[in-house]
Amino acid sequence: MVSVLQNVAIDCADAYELARFWSRVTGRPQHPEDKPGDRETQVLLTEGPVLYFNQVPESKKAKNRIHLCLRPETSREQEVERLLALGATFVADHRNPDGSGWAVLADPEGNEFCVLRSESDRAVSP
């Protein structure tokens, strides 16, 4: 017997607004019953677990121990720019001159996530 991963839970101050941000990041819809003010919301991913947002009273205090890593369909650089325009903030640059590495961003509530190289980026450089 095994356990099946149901969701990735993200604590937050405003579940609906943070789910809206991640819905735009992933291009996937929020649960159709979610509405502003809901304390629990979801983004329905195509495959795998859902992103589940749970409103909590305390704010984020330290670096995430678990985080999401995104592999964009466009280039990593284009995706970083798109995510910054959506409201993400730039946290750290781990990109290397040879094209390898990743960029660390944070969502509007400060949860860090990584933007990896796209498949097309990987085909061009090691």
Protein backbone atom coordinates (compact mmCIF):
# COMPACT_ATOMS: atom_id res chain seq x y z
CA MET A 1 0.00 0.00 0.00
CA VAL A 2 1.10 3.58 -0.69
CA SER A 3 -0.16 7.09 -0.11
CA VAL A 4 -1.24 9.29 -3.01
CA LEU A 5 -0.26 12.97 -3.01
CA GLN A 6 -3.59 14.83 -2.91
CA ASN A 7 -2.46 18.46 -2.86
CA VAL A 8 0.34 20.88 -2.18
CA ALA A 9 -0.88 23.10 0.66
CA ILE A 10 0.27 26.70 0.88
CA ASP A 11 -0.51 28.74 3.99
CA CYS A 12 -1.35 32.35 3.21
CA ALA A 13 -3.04 35.54 4.39
CA ASP A 14 -5.51 35.78 1.47
CA ALA A 15 -6.33 32.39 -0.02
CA TYR A 16 -8.43 33.67 -2.91
CA GLU A 17 -5.95 36.30 -4.11
CA LEU A 18 -2.94 34.00 -3.83
CA ALA A 19 -4.82 31.30 -5.75
CA ARG A 20 -5.62 33.92 -8.42
CA PHE A 21 -1.88 34.67 -8.76
CA TRP A 22 -0.98 30.96 -9.08
CA SER A 23 -3.86 30.40 -11.50
CA ARG A 24 -2.31 33.04 -13.79
CA VAL A 25 1.18 31.54 -13.29
CA THR A 26 0.08 28.02 -14.26
CA GLY A 27 -2.65 28.94 -16.73
CA ARG A 28 -4.98 26.61 -14.82
CA PRO A 29 -8.35 27.52 -13.32
CA GLN A 30 -9.30 28.07 -9.74
CA HIS A 31 -11.95 25.73 -8.38
CA PRO A 32 -15.27 26.96 -9.87
CA GLU A 33 -16.82 27.43 -6.41
CA ASP A 34 -13.97 29.61 -5.05
CA LYS A 35 -14.84 33.25 -4.39
CA PRO A 36 -13.22 36.29 -2.73
CA GLY A 37 -13.08 35.92 1.03
CA ASP A 38 -12.92 32.11 0.99
CA ARG A 39 -10.46 30.79 3.57
CA GLU A 40 -9.62 27.74 1.43
CA THR A 41 -9.16 27.79 -2.35
CA GLN A 42 -7.64 25.59 -5.04
CA VAL A 43 -5.93 25.80 -8.40
CA LEU A 44 -6.81 22.74 -10.48
CA LEU A 45 -3.68 21.53 -12.26
CA THR A 46 -3.87 19.38 -15.38
CA GLU A 47 -1.98 16.49 -13.80
CA GLY A 48 -1.02 15.53 -10.29
CA PRO A 49 -2.10 17.20 -7.08
CA VAL A 50 -4.00 20.48 -6.80
CA LEU A 51 -2.50 23.64 -5.34
CA TYR A 52 -4.45 24.20 -2.12
CA PHE A 53 -4.39 27.60 -0.40
CA ASN A 54 -5.24 27.76 3.29
CA GLN A 55 -5.73 31.11 4.99
CA VAL A 56 -3.86 31.34 8.33
CA PRO A 57 -3.46 34.21 10.82
CA GLU A 58 0.34 34.20 11.06
CA SER A 59 2.62 35.63 8.38
CA LYS A 60 5.54 33.88 6.70
CA LYS A 61 8.70 34.29 8.78
CA ALA A 62 11.52 32.31 7.13
CA LYS A 63 12.70 30.62 3.93
CA ASN A 64 10.46 27.84 2.60
CA ARG A 65 11.67 24.31 3.36
CA ILE A 66 9.56 23.00 0.45
CA HIS A 67 9.00 25.03 -2.69
CA LEU A 68 7.65 24.74 -6.20
CA CYS A 69 9.94 24.57 -9.24
CA LEU A 70 8.53 25.69 -12.58
CA ARG A 71 9.73 24.60 -16.02
CA PRO A 72 8.34 27.17 -18.48
CA GLU A 73 7.13 26.50 -22.01
CA THR A 74 8.94 29.67 -23.15
CA SER A 75 12.51 30.56 -22.25
CA ARG A 76 13.42 30.92 -18.59
CA GLU A 77 14.19 34.61 -19.12
CA GLN A 78 10.82 35.32 -20.75
CA GLU A 79 9.02 33.47 -17.97
CA VAL A 80 10.86 35.37 -15.23
CA GLU A 81 9.76 38.63 -16.86
CA ARG A 82 6.16 37.42 -17.19
CA LEU A 83 6.01 36.32 -13.54
CA LEU A 84 7.48 39.61 -12.33
CA ALA A 85 4.75 41.41 -14.29
CA LEU A 86 2.14 39.23 -12.56
CA GLY A 87 3.36 40.37 -9.13
CA ALA A 88 6.23 38.04 -8.24
CA THR A 89 9.44 39.48 -6.79
CA PHE A 90 13.01 38.53 -7.64
CA VAL A 91 14.79 36.84 -4.71
CA ALA A 92 18.04 35.28 -5.96
CA ASP A 93 19.91 34.61 -9.18
CA HIS A 94 21.41 31.14 -9.57
CA ARG A 95 21.76 31.38 -13.36
CA ASN A 96 25.20 30.58 -14.76
CA PRO A 97 27.02 32.05 -17.78
CA ASP A 98 26.65 28.70 -19.62
CA GLY A 99 22.83 28.96 -19.33
CA SER A 100 22.40 26.41 -16.55
CA GLY A 101 20.90 27.22 -13.17
CA TRP A 102 17.66 28.83 -12.04
CA ALA A 103 16.08 32.03 -10.80
CA VAL A 104 14.40 32.24 -7.38
CA LEU A 105 11.27 34.37 -7.20
CA ALA A 106 8.61 34.87 -4.54
CA ASP A 107 4.85 35.05 -4.92
CA PRO A 108 2.94 38.09 -3.58
CA GLU A 109 2.99 36.62 -0.04
CA GLY A 110 6.72 35.87 -0.07
CA ASN A 111 6.66 32.13 -0.81
CA GLU A 112 9.80 31.30 -2.80
CA PHE A 113 9.73 29.29 -6.01
CA CYS A 114 12.26 28.51 -8.73
CA VAL A 115 12.10 29.07 -12.47
CA LEU A 116 14.15 26.41 -14.24
CA ARG A 117 15.36 26.33 -17.82
CA SER A 118 12.77 25.38 -20.43
CA GLU A 119 13.26 22.33 -22.64
CA SER A 120 14.26 24.67 -25.49
CA ASP A 121 16.81 26.41 -23.20
CA ARG A 122 18.23 23.01 -22.26
CA ALA A 123 18.57 22.02 -25.93
CA VAL A 124 20.72 25.09 -26.63
CA SER A 125 23.13 24.84 -23.68
CA PRO A 126 24.29 22.06 -21.34
